[in-house]
Protein backbone atom coordinates (compact mmCIF):
# COMPACT_ATOMS: atom_id res chain seq x y z
CA MET A 1 -7.26 -30.47 0.96
CA ILE A 2 -8.50 -28.49 -2.06
CA ALA A 3 -10.78 -26.43 0.19
CA LEU A 4 -7.81 -25.61 2.42
CA VAL A 5 -5.72 -24.48 -0.55
CA LEU A 6 -8.60 -22.34 -1.84
CA ARG A 7 -9.20 -20.86 1.61
CA VAL A 8 -5.53 -19.97 2.05
CA ALA A 9 -5.26 -18.55 -1.48
CA MET A 10 -8.38 -16.39 -1.14
CA GLY A 11 -7.44 -15.26 2.35
CA ALA A 12 -3.94 -14.36 1.21
CA TYR A 13 -5.26 -12.44 -1.79
CA PHE A 14 -7.74 -10.42 0.27
CA THR A 15 -5.10 -9.74 2.93
CA TRP A 16 -2.68 -8.57 0.24
CA ALA A 17 -5.34 -6.45 -1.52
CA GLY A 18 -6.29 -4.73 1.75
CA GLY A 19 -2.62 -4.07 2.51
CA GLU A 20 -2.03 -2.62 -0.96
CA LYS A 21 -4.89 -0.15 -0.45
CA ILE A 22 -3.62 0.93 2.96
CA PHE A 23 0.15 0.89 2.60
CA VAL A 24 0.85 1.30 -1.13
CA SER A 25 -1.74 3.35 -3.01
CA GLY A 26 -3.28 4.94 0.07
CA LEU A 27 -6.75 5.23 1.51
CA ASP A 28 -7.41 8.63 -0.05
CA ARG A 29 -6.88 7.14 -3.50
CA PHE A 30 -9.14 4.22 -2.60
CA ALA A 31 -11.84 6.69 -1.46
CA THR A 32 -11.61 8.38 -4.87
CA ASP A 33 -11.88 5.00 -6.60
CA ILE A 34 -15.01 4.17 -4.59
CA ALA A 35 -16.54 7.58 -5.28
CA ASN A 36 -15.94 7.08 -9.02
CA TYR A 37 -18.54 4.28 -9.01
CA LYS A 38 -21.14 6.96 -8.16
CA LEU A 39 -23.09 4.56 -5.92
CA VAL A 40 -22.64 6.45 -2.65
CA GLY A 41 -21.88 9.98 -1.54
CA GLU A 42 -18.37 11.21 -0.92
CA SER A 43 -18.56 10.92 2.87
CA VAL A 44 -19.75 7.29 2.63
CA ALA A 45 -17.00 6.55 0.10
CA VAL A 46 -14.40 7.90 2.53
CA ALA A 47 -15.83 5.88 5.42
CA VAL A 48 -15.86 2.70 3.33
CA ALA A 49 -12.33 3.35 2.08
CA TYR A 50 -10.99 3.71 5.60
CA ILE A 51 -12.79 0.63 6.98
CA LEU A 52 -12.96 -1.91 4.14
CA PRO A 53 -9.23 -2.62 3.66
CA TRP A 54 -8.79 -3.35 7.36
CA ALA A 55 -11.83 -5.64 7.25
CA GLU A 56 -10.33 -7.41 4.22
CA ILE A 57 -7.08 -7.97 6.12
CA VAL A 58 -8.77 -9.30 9.26
CA ALA A 59 -11.18 -11.53 7.33
CA GLY A 60 -8.41 -12.72 5.02
CA ILE A 61 -6.16 -13.71 7.91
CA CYS A 62 -9.03 -15.47 9.68
CA PHE A 63 -9.97 -17.26 6.45
CA MET A 64 -6.39 -18.44 5.90
CA LEU A 65 -5.99 -19.65 9.47
CA GLY A 66 -9.43 -21.21 9.72
CA VAL A 67 -10.31 -18.94 12.64
CA LEU A 68 -14.00 -17.99 12.88
CA ARG A 69 -14.57 -20.03 9.75
CA LYS A 70 -18.22 -19.27 9.18
CA GLY A 71 -17.80 -15.58 9.92
CA SER A 72 -14.76 -15.18 7.69
CA TRP A 73 -16.50 -17.19 4.94
CA LEU A 74 -19.54 -14.91 5.20
CA ALA A 75 -17.27 -11.85 5.12
CA MET A 76 -15.59 -13.12 1.95
CA LEU A 77 -18.99 -13.82 0.39
CA GLY A 78 -20.12 -10.32 1.36
CA PHE A 79 -17.00 -8.69 -0.07
CA VAL A 80 -17.26 -10.57 -3.36
CA THR A 81 -20.98 -9.80 -3.67
CA ALA A 82 -20.52 -6.10 -2.91
CA PHE A 83 -17.59 -5.85 -5.33
CA ALA A 84 -19.50 -7.75 -8.03
CA PHE A 85 -22.48 -5.43 -7.60
CA ALA A 86 -20.34 -2.30 -7.82
CA VAL A 87 -18.35 -3.50 -10.83
CA GLY A 88 -21.50 -4.81 -12.53
CA SER A 89 -23.21 -1.48 -11.99
CA ALA A 90 -20.27 0.38 -13.52
CA TRP A 91 -20.23 -2.04 -16.45
CA TRP A 92 -23.97 -1.62 -16.99
CA ARG A 93 -23.56 2.18 -17.04
CA GLY A 94 -20.59 1.99 -19.43
CA MET A 95 -18.16 3.62 -17.01
CA ASP A 96 -14.43 3.66 -17.75
CA ILE A 97 -13.00 3.78 -14.23
CA ARG A 98 -10.30 2.22 -12.09
CA CYS A 99 -11.43 -0.84 -10.20
CA GLY A 100 -9.77 0.11 -6.93
CA CYS A 101 -9.55 -3.59 -6.08
CA THR A 102 -5.83 -3.67 -5.39
CA GLY A 103 -4.99 0.00 -5.53
CA GLY A 104 -3.71 -0.18 -9.11
CA ALA A 105 -4.15 2.51 -11.72
CA GLU A 106 -5.50 0.29 -14.51
CA THR A 107 -9.08 0.63 -15.68
CA ILE A 108 -11.50 -2.25 -15.26
CA THR A 109 -11.54 -4.98 -17.87
CA TYR A 110 -15.11 -6.06 -17.24
CA TRP A 111 -15.02 -9.55 -18.75
CA GLN A 112 -11.94 -10.39 -16.70
CA LYS A 113 -13.59 -9.09 -13.54
CA ALA A 114 -16.74 -11.13 -14.27
CA ALA A 115 -14.60 -14.26 -14.66
CA GLU A 116 -12.71 -13.41 -11.45
CA PHE A 117 -15.97 -13.03 -9.50
CA LEU A 118 -17.27 -16.30 -10.92
CA LEU A 119 -14.11 -18.05 -9.71
CA TYR A 120 -14.54 -16.52 -6.24
CA TYR A 121 -18.12 -17.79 -6.06
CA ILE A 122 -17.08 -21.26 -7.23
CA ALA A 123 -14.27 -21.35 -4.65
CA LEU A 124 -16.54 -20.14 -1.85
CA GLY A 125 -19.20 -22.64 -2.85
CA PHE A 126 -16.69 -25.48 -2.88
CA ILE A 127 -15.26 -24.43 0.48
CA ALA A 128 -18.74 -24.37 2.00
CA TRP A 129 -19.79 -27.63 0.38
CA SER A 130 -16.67 -29.47 1.48
CA GLY A 131 -16.98 -28.14 5.02
CA TRP A 132 -20.67 -28.97 5.37
CA ARG A 133 -20.36 -32.32 3.58
CA GLY A 134 -17.59 -33.48 5.89
CA ARG A 135 -19.49 -32.46 9.00
CA ALA A 136 -22.96 -33.78 8.17
CA GLY A 137 -24.72 -34.59 11.40
CA LYS A 138 -22.05 -32.89 13.52
CA LYS A 139 -22.47 -29.51 15.16
CA THR A 140 -20.12 -27.17 13.32
CA ASP A 141 -19.33 -23.50 13.26
CA ALA A 142 -18.26 -23.29 9.70
CA PRO A 143 -17.82 -24.13 6.12
CA GLY A 144 -14.42 -25.36 4.94
């Protein structure tokens, strides 16, 4: 039951965050936010900005509904890891930039982001553990 609640909450958050980037702040703004990390060139930042929010929405919906469980779990893990790397890199370099996570204008509060990523990893770990634990010895497609 806890894994289901975590899966729905994370899926809803990622679906909402992707929608905010597309329909509220806009993909051009998100491309600028990505470029501000100075990890990729401008053309890659634009490509990522136009693809990533849609991927977040699809993966988030699948995660909430339990569709393609392993794939959506891996997508969530990939998103969190990529975001943690980008934010950690900016923190390491002392950058004062917007996160771009939900399209907001606020600058990153690094300790809060670190705690947020830790919670994502704990939730993803619990979801996987509860899914694999409950299906020991059974052929399964997925965690949680």
